[in-house]
N, C-alpha and C. Protein backbone atom coordinates (compact mmCIF):
# COMPACT_ATOMS: atom_id res chain seq x y z
N MET A 1 0.68 -1.39 -0.05
CA MET A 1 0.02 -0.01 -0.05
C MET A 1 1.26 1.17 -0.18
N SER A 2 0.70 2.30 -0.37
CA SER A 2 0.90 4.08 -1.20
C SER A 2 0.31 4.26 0.10
N VAL A 3 1.64 5.01 1.15
CA VAL A 3 1.07 5.99 1.73
C VAL A 3 1.53 7.76 1.79
N THR A 4 0.29 8.71 1.16
CA THR A 4 1.67 9.86 1.04
C THR A 4 0.86 11.00 1.74
N VAL A 5 2.28 11.43 2.21
CA VAL A 5 2.98 12.30 3.90
C VAL A 5 3.08 13.71 3.19
N ARG A 6 3.14 14.72 3.99
CA ARG A 6 3.31 16.14 4.00
C ARG A 6 4.48 15.94 5.19
N LEU A 7 5.44 16.04 4.94
CA LEU A 7 6.72 16.70 5.95
C LEU A 7 7.28 17.79 5.79
N PRO A 8 7.85 18.72 7.00
CA PRO A 8 8.61 19.88 6.33
C PRO A 8 9.77 19.43 5.74
N GLY A 9 10.26 20.29 4.90
CA GLY A 9 11.60 20.33 3.73
C GLY A 9 12.73 19.86 4.57
N ASN A 10 12.93 20.41 5.72
CA ASN A 10 14.02 20.33 6.58
C ASN A 10 14.04 18.94 7.37
N GLY A 11 13.13 17.96 7.17
CA GLY A 11 12.84 16.89 7.79
C GLY A 11 12.95 15.81 6.93
N LEU A 12 13.44 15.66 5.52
CA LEU A 12 13.32 15.12 4.17
C LEU A 12 14.57 14.01 4.76
N ASP A 13 15.65 14.88 5.92
CA ASP A 13 16.84 14.46 5.70
C ASP A 13 16.50 12.57 6.38
N LEU A 14 15.91 13.05 7.93
CA LEU A 14 15.64 12.22 9.12
C LEU A 14 14.64 11.71 8.39
N ALA A 15 13.63 11.88 7.74
CA ALA A 15 12.78 10.69 7.17
C ALA A 15 13.27 9.62 6.25
N ARG A 16 14.48 10.06 5.48
CA ARG A 16 15.37 9.41 4.83
C ARG A 16 16.31 8.22 5.50
N ARG A 17 16.52 8.62 6.41
CA ARG A 17 17.29 7.87 7.82
C ARG A 17 16.35 6.79 8.33
N ILE A 18 15.03 7.14 8.69
CA ILE A 18 14.11 6.81 9.00
C ILE A 18 13.05 5.70 8.22
N LEU A 19 12.94 6.02 7.27
CA LEU A 19 12.10 5.43 6.47
C LEU A 19 12.65 4.45 5.22
N GLY A 20 13.86 5.11 4.85
CA GLY A 20 14.81 4.08 4.03
C GLY A 20 14.17 3.82 2.72
N ASN A 21 14.41 2.76 2.37
CA ASN A 21 14.30 2.21 1.19
C ASN A 21 12.14 2.02 1.14
N ARG A 22 11.60 2.26 2.12
CA ARG A 22 9.91 2.45 1.73
C ARG A 22 9.49 3.60 1.05
N ILE A 23 10.46 4.68 1.37
CA ILE A 23 10.31 6.12 0.76
C ILE A 23 10.31 5.44 -1.06
N HIS A 24 9.41 5.88 -1.79
CA HIS A 24 9.10 5.83 -3.24
C HIS A 24 9.06 6.58 -4.17
N ASP A 25 8.75 7.94 -3.42
CA ASP A 25 8.84 9.66 -4.24
C ASP A 25 9.09 10.30 -3.83
N VAL A 26 9.54 11.47 -3.45
CA VAL A 26 9.60 12.72 -2.85
C VAL A 26 9.09 13.97 -3.79
N SER A 27 8.36 14.79 -3.60
CA SER A 27 8.03 15.85 -4.41
C SER A 27 9.05 17.25 -3.83
N GLU A 28 9.64 17.95 -4.69
CA GLU A 28 10.00 19.01 -4.30
C GLU A 28 9.26 20.16 -2.94
N ALA A 29 9.87 20.66 -2.38
CA ALA A 29 9.23 21.30 -1.02
C ALA A 29 8.52 22.41 -1.45
N GLU A 30 7.29 22.70 -1.28
CA GLU A 30 6.92 23.90 -1.89
C GLU A 30 6.07 24.33 -0.28
N ASN A 31 6.12 25.75 -0.33
CA ASN A 31 5.36 26.24 1.01
C ASN A 31 6.41 25.55 2.01
N GLY A 32 7.83 25.39 1.98
CA GLY A 32 8.08 24.89 3.06
C GLY A 32 7.89 23.05 3.55
N TRP A 33 6.69 22.71 2.73
CA TRP A 33 7.14 21.06 2.81
C TRP A 33 7.05 20.60 1.96
N CYS A 34 7.40 19.15 1.92
CA CYS A 34 7.26 18.17 0.62
C CYS A 34 6.69 17.04 1.00
N THR A 35 6.12 16.43 -0.06
CA THR A 35 5.12 15.17 -0.29
C THR A 35 5.95 13.93 -1.10
N VAL A 36 5.72 12.89 -0.10
CA VAL A 36 6.36 11.82 0.18
C VAL A 36 5.53 10.48 -0.29
N VAL A 37 5.90 9.27 -0.86
CA VAL A 37 5.09 8.43 -0.93
C VAL A 37 5.56 7.43 -0.34
N VAL A 38 5.48 6.65 0.86
CA VAL A 38 5.85 6.05 1.64
C VAL A 38 5.19 4.50 1.29
N ARG A 39 5.80 3.59 1.16
CA ARG A 39 5.35 2.17 0.47
C ARG A 39 5.34 1.53 1.87
N TYR A 40 4.28 0.50 2.52
CA TYR A 40 3.83 -0.29 3.24
C TYR A 40 3.30 -1.65 3.37
N SER A 41 3.73 -2.52 3.95
CA SER A 41 2.83 -3.82 3.20
C SER A 41 1.75 -3.79 3.87
N ASP A 42 1.23 -3.38 4.91
CA ASP A 42 -0.05 -3.12 5.46
C ASP A 42 -0.71 -2.11 6.35
N ILE A 43 -1.59 -1.67 7.03
CA ILE A 43 -1.99 -0.35 7.40
C ILE A 43 -1.53 -0.24 8.92
N GLU A 44 -1.25 -1.39 9.75
CA GLU A 44 -0.43 -1.11 10.81
C GLU A 44 0.91 -0.74 10.87
N SER A 45 1.28 -0.82 9.76
CA SER A 45 2.73 -0.22 9.27
C SER A 45 3.12 0.94 9.48
N VAL A 46 1.82 2.27 9.24
CA VAL A 46 1.89 3.07 9.48
C VAL A 46 2.17 3.47 10.44
N ARG A 47 2.02 2.93 11.89
CA ARG A 47 2.53 3.45 13.32
C ARG A 47 3.89 4.01 13.36
N GLN A 48 4.74 3.25 12.12
CA GLN A 48 6.08 4.12 12.13
C GLN A 48 6.03 5.52 11.93
N LEU A 49 4.90 6.05 11.45
CA LEU A 49 4.96 7.95 11.00
C LEU A 49 4.69 8.07 12.46
N LEU A 50 3.95 7.82 13.51
CA LEU A 50 3.85 8.84 14.53
C LEU A 50 5.20 9.23 15.40
N GLN A 51 6.26 8.14 14.81
CA GLN A 51 8.25 8.99 15.44
C GLN A 51 7.94 10.56 14.70
N PHE A 52 7.17 10.85 13.72
CA PHE A 52 7.19 12.26 13.34
C PHE A 52 6.54 13.23 14.09
N GLY A 53 5.49 12.78 15.28
CA GLY A 53 4.81 13.42 16.00
C GLY A 53 3.58 14.38 14.71
N ASP A 54 4.39 15.85 15.25
CA ASP A 54 3.32 17.04 14.81
C ASP A 54 4.27 17.52 13.70
N HIS A 55 5.31 16.84 12.95
CA HIS A 55 5.54 17.07 11.77
C HIS A 55 5.54 16.59 10.41
N ILE A 56 4.16 15.74 10.71
CA ILE A 56 3.72 15.10 9.69
C ILE A 56 2.57 15.17 9.42
N GLU A 57 1.52 14.97 8.43
CA GLU A 57 0.97 14.67 7.74
C GLU A 57 0.30 13.77 6.84
N ILE A 58 -0.57 12.80 7.18
CA ILE A 58 -0.89 11.75 6.21
C ILE A 58 -1.96 12.17 5.33
N LEU A 59 -1.67 12.40 3.88
CA LEU A 59 -2.71 12.76 3.06
C LEU A 59 -3.67 11.75 2.25
N THR A 60 -3.09 10.59 2.16
CA THR A 60 -3.48 9.47 1.67
C THR A 60 -3.09 8.03 1.93
N PRO A 61 -3.90 7.17 1.98
CA PRO A 61 -5.23 6.80 2.03
C PRO A 61 -6.08 7.50 3.16
N GLU A 62 -7.07 7.05 3.19
CA GLU A 62 -8.34 7.49 4.45
C GLU A 62 -7.87 6.78 5.31
N THR A 63 -7.99 5.05 5.07
CA THR A 63 -7.98 4.64 5.73
C THR A 63 -6.44 4.54 6.51
N ALA A 64 -5.08 4.84 6.24
CA ALA A 64 -4.22 5.48 7.11
C ALA A 64 -4.09 6.58 8.15
N ARG A 65 -5.30 7.69 7.38
CA ARG A 65 -5.17 8.95 8.08
C ARG A 65 -6.20 8.06 9.23
N GLU A 66 -7.22 7.38 9.28
CA GLU A 66 -8.13 7.02 10.39
C GLU A 66 -7.02 6.05 11.61
N ARG A 67 -6.23 5.32 11.03
CA ARG A 67 -5.61 4.64 11.92
C ARG A 67 -4.76 5.81 12.59
N ILE A 68 -4.20 6.53 11.95
CA ILE A 68 -3.33 7.13 12.52
C ILE A 68 -4.30 8.20 13.29
N ARG A 69 -5.33 8.47 13.19
CA ARG A 69 -6.47 9.28 14.20
C ARG A 69 -6.64 8.41 15.40
N GLN A 70 -6.96 7.00 15.01
CA GLN A 70 -7.06 6.17 16.27
C GLN A 70 -5.47 6.35 16.99
N LEU A 71 -5.08 5.59 16.96
CA LEU A 71 -3.49 5.55 17.59
C LEU A 71 -3.40 6.88 18.14
N ALA A 72 -3.53 8.06 17.62
CA ALA A 72 -3.48 9.10 18.39
C ALA A 72 -4.33 9.41 19.64
N ARG A 73 -5.61 8.93 19.26
CA ARG A 73 -6.94 9.40 20.23
C ARG A 73 -6.01 8.37 21.64
N ASP A 74 -5.96 7.17 20.83
CA ASP A 74 -5.21 6.21 22.31
C ASP A 74 -4.32 6.50 23.32
N LEU A 75 -3.32 6.91 22.50
CA LEU A 75 -1.99 7.96 23.25
C LEU A 75 -2.60 9.11 24.28
N ALA A 76 -3.32 10.20 23.13
CA ALA A 76 -3.57 11.04 24.17
C ALA A 76 -4.68 10.65 25.56
N GLU A 77 -5.61 9.74 25.29
CA GLU A 77 -6.77 9.46 26.34
C GLU A 77 -5.34 8.49 27.85
N ARG A 78 -4.55 8.11 27.34
CA ARG A 78 -3.63 7.32 27.68
C ARG A 78 -2.85 7.88 28.84
N HIS A 79 -2.45 8.95 28.34
CA HIS A 79 -1.43 10.26 29.20
C HIS A 79 -2.54 11.44 29.43
N SER A 80 -4.08 11.19 29.54
CA SER A 80 -4.44 12.54 30.11
C SER A 80 -4.84 12.33 31.45
N THR A 81 -4.43 10.96 31.95
CA THR A 81 -4.29 10.81 33.67
C THR A 81 -2.69 10.89 34.32
N PRO A 82 -2.54 11.17 35.40
CA PRO A 82 -1.26 10.71 35.49
C PRO A 82 -1.09 9.17 35.79
N ALA A 83 0.49 8.93 35.54
CA ALA A 83 0.38 7.02 35.53
C ALA A 83 0.35 6.48 37.08
N SER A 84 -0.14 5.43 37.07
CA SER A 84 -0.36 5.18 38.60
C SER A 84 0.88 3.81 39.06
């Protein structure tokens, strides 16, 4: 599956180190952001993109956007109360 994301142009080197050969295509930076196509074997692999925190936006497919939303919601809920 191909996942299209937006990253800050200055984060492209880090993305190349983290994502390696999963990167299929990279567009030139526009307004400070570049578009990257990342290939994964399954939807659960998009978890890897969480390490970019707020320096990424998943554009397509909608299933990848939804999975990231679910994971972010779960993280936020887990961290909304003091650890026991």
